Amino acid sequence: MKNCFFIVLTFIGIQQINAQFTRRDSLQGGLRTERTSYDVKRYDLNIIINPEEKSIKGFNDITFDVVSATQKIQIDLFDNMKVDSIVWNTKKLKYIRDNDAVFIDFPERLVLKSNHKLKFYYSGNPKIAKNAPWDGGFVFKKDSNGKDFIAVAVQGTGASLWYPVKDSQTDEPDNGASIKVAVPNGLMNVSNGRFIGSEDLKNGYTRWDWEVKNPINNYTITVNVADYVHIQDKMPDLDLDYYVLRENETKAREHFAEVKPMMECFQSKFGRYPFWEDGYKLVETPYLGMEHQSAVAYGNKYKKGYMGFDLSGTGVGMFFDYITIHETGHEWFGNSITSMDIADMWIHEGFTTYSETVFIECIKGYDDAMKYINGQAKNVRNDRPIIGQYGVNNEGSGDMYYKGSLMLNTLRHIIADDTKWWKIIFDYSETFKKKIITTATVIDYFNKASGLNLTPVFNQYLNTNQVPHFVYKVNGDYLYYSWENVNDDFNMPIDIGFDNKKIRLYPTLKEQKIKLKKLNKRSFQIYDNQFFVKIKEDN
């Protein structure tokens, strides 16, 4: 059902939508045979970062299986980066560049089920972010002691901004990755996974080696360079490591105390931390934050809320660090469960934003959780649908965060059985752990797990920018009610309170009525904090 919104568009409308996208977008977001013919098994990245030149030089060993016989594959690398050479079985391969895509020709046809490794040498000055993490690229800054403080964030922009990769969320390296990064002596690089060791290269540089055991999203592979102090902690089943600027060690030890209760909450609601083999890290960065798998980027300056502000406007958001909680939630939703196309990024952001509310409910209870999530409604813009256009590297509306979260809260109260709801969420996290899915996958799962037809509800919130209007009026002992501003098949119930009882109504586009003795405007309440709707009194 994920495509129903697009099916009803006229041919002219489709042309207008497609017109805004370029060949570069299609090359990055599309799935042609040069991409689908092979399956990446592993990346082994080995680079040198020169802070003075703001440059990268090195190679990526790309190991892959052939899933359909081919003589040409596509690897991606931004066109401002230089391809030095591509080597396969000691042979230099020919290639053609098309925007950021590098089409590589093999001297012979690669047969089905064969396994190969190519070494992609490259160099150059990667794009510098103007406003990371919203604008993808590298950040080159200095700490208060004048030492280099470097990091990268490329979600949406693409991992091929800084290393050669199959830049698509449809394919993760099944056997993990190694990230070996040489930086000037006196600095440390922190990347994903476990620290394997370091080596003084005797040329003014030290190489820091990291190993990832799990499949990993391309855009979450990362480098973080600074004069770090390493703080170690531990839970019974999970290593916790924090890499912070030397000047912030004392405050970090106190501030990150919330990590353990957060992890206890998330593991109880979403299942065991999905990348326990690689450990969990918070790594201080010169930008706000990013969900880099097993190396979560942290830059909230050790403040509560979002840089010291409560995005919900309720006060509830000021008892926790937004970046720690939100970006860690992504370990389950985004890093473990990944959308196949970034048009479906609500699968990452809606569930992760909801994880903030889950954490509040774990620590402070249901009432504060509802206050927080409903406070977020003021941030919903309803500018365009949450789901973007497929195949052109196009995200939908930023409402994927708050509206996506409010939709999940709505589903919880449609189901109206918390034991069942938390089992559904837990099983969802476990069922699709380390898998790549679509919106259709999510809808099908929730329909089956709940025993309800929730498809019209998903379609309303994801594929339109219209928030349902619950329209009512009181006339004598009768409450008249209906839905407006909804699709024709919208089938969502809503609850009201009357005479100390909760009554479930099933509005449609056609006005209905219910008789309630001694009814007046003050004798009943609409549970609009449990459903993301607008209330409209019809006079």
Foldseek 3Di string as FASTA:
>chain_A
DVCPLVVPDDPVRVCVQCVVFDVVLLVQFADDCLAVQKAWAEKEWAWEQELVVLKIWGKIKTKIAGAAKAFKHKKFAAPQKFFPFKAWPNDTWDWDDDGRIIITGHPDIDHHGDMTIMITTIMHRFDDAPAPPVGWDKDWDADPVRWTKIKTAQVLNFLSSHHIGSTFQQHWNAQWYKHKYKYFPQKDKDWFFDWDDWADPPPRIIITMHTAGGTWHSRLTMITMDNWDWDWDDDPQATEIETEHPVCVVLCVVLCPVVVLLQVLCCVQANHQLRRNRGAYEYEHPHDWALRASHTYHHLPSAFARVPDPLLPQPLRRVHRCSSQLSSLLSLFPTFENARGLLQCLSRQLSSLLSVLSSCCSPPNDVSSLSRLVSNVVVQDLPFAQGFDHSRSDGRDPCSHNLSNLLLLLLCVLLPDVVLSSVLNRVVSVVRTNHYHHPVVVQVSSCVSSVHNCVQSCCFRHHGSFAKEWEWEDDAQKIKTAIDRGDQPDFGWWWKDAPNDIDIDTHHNDIDMDGHHPDDPPRMGTPCSSHPHHYHYDD
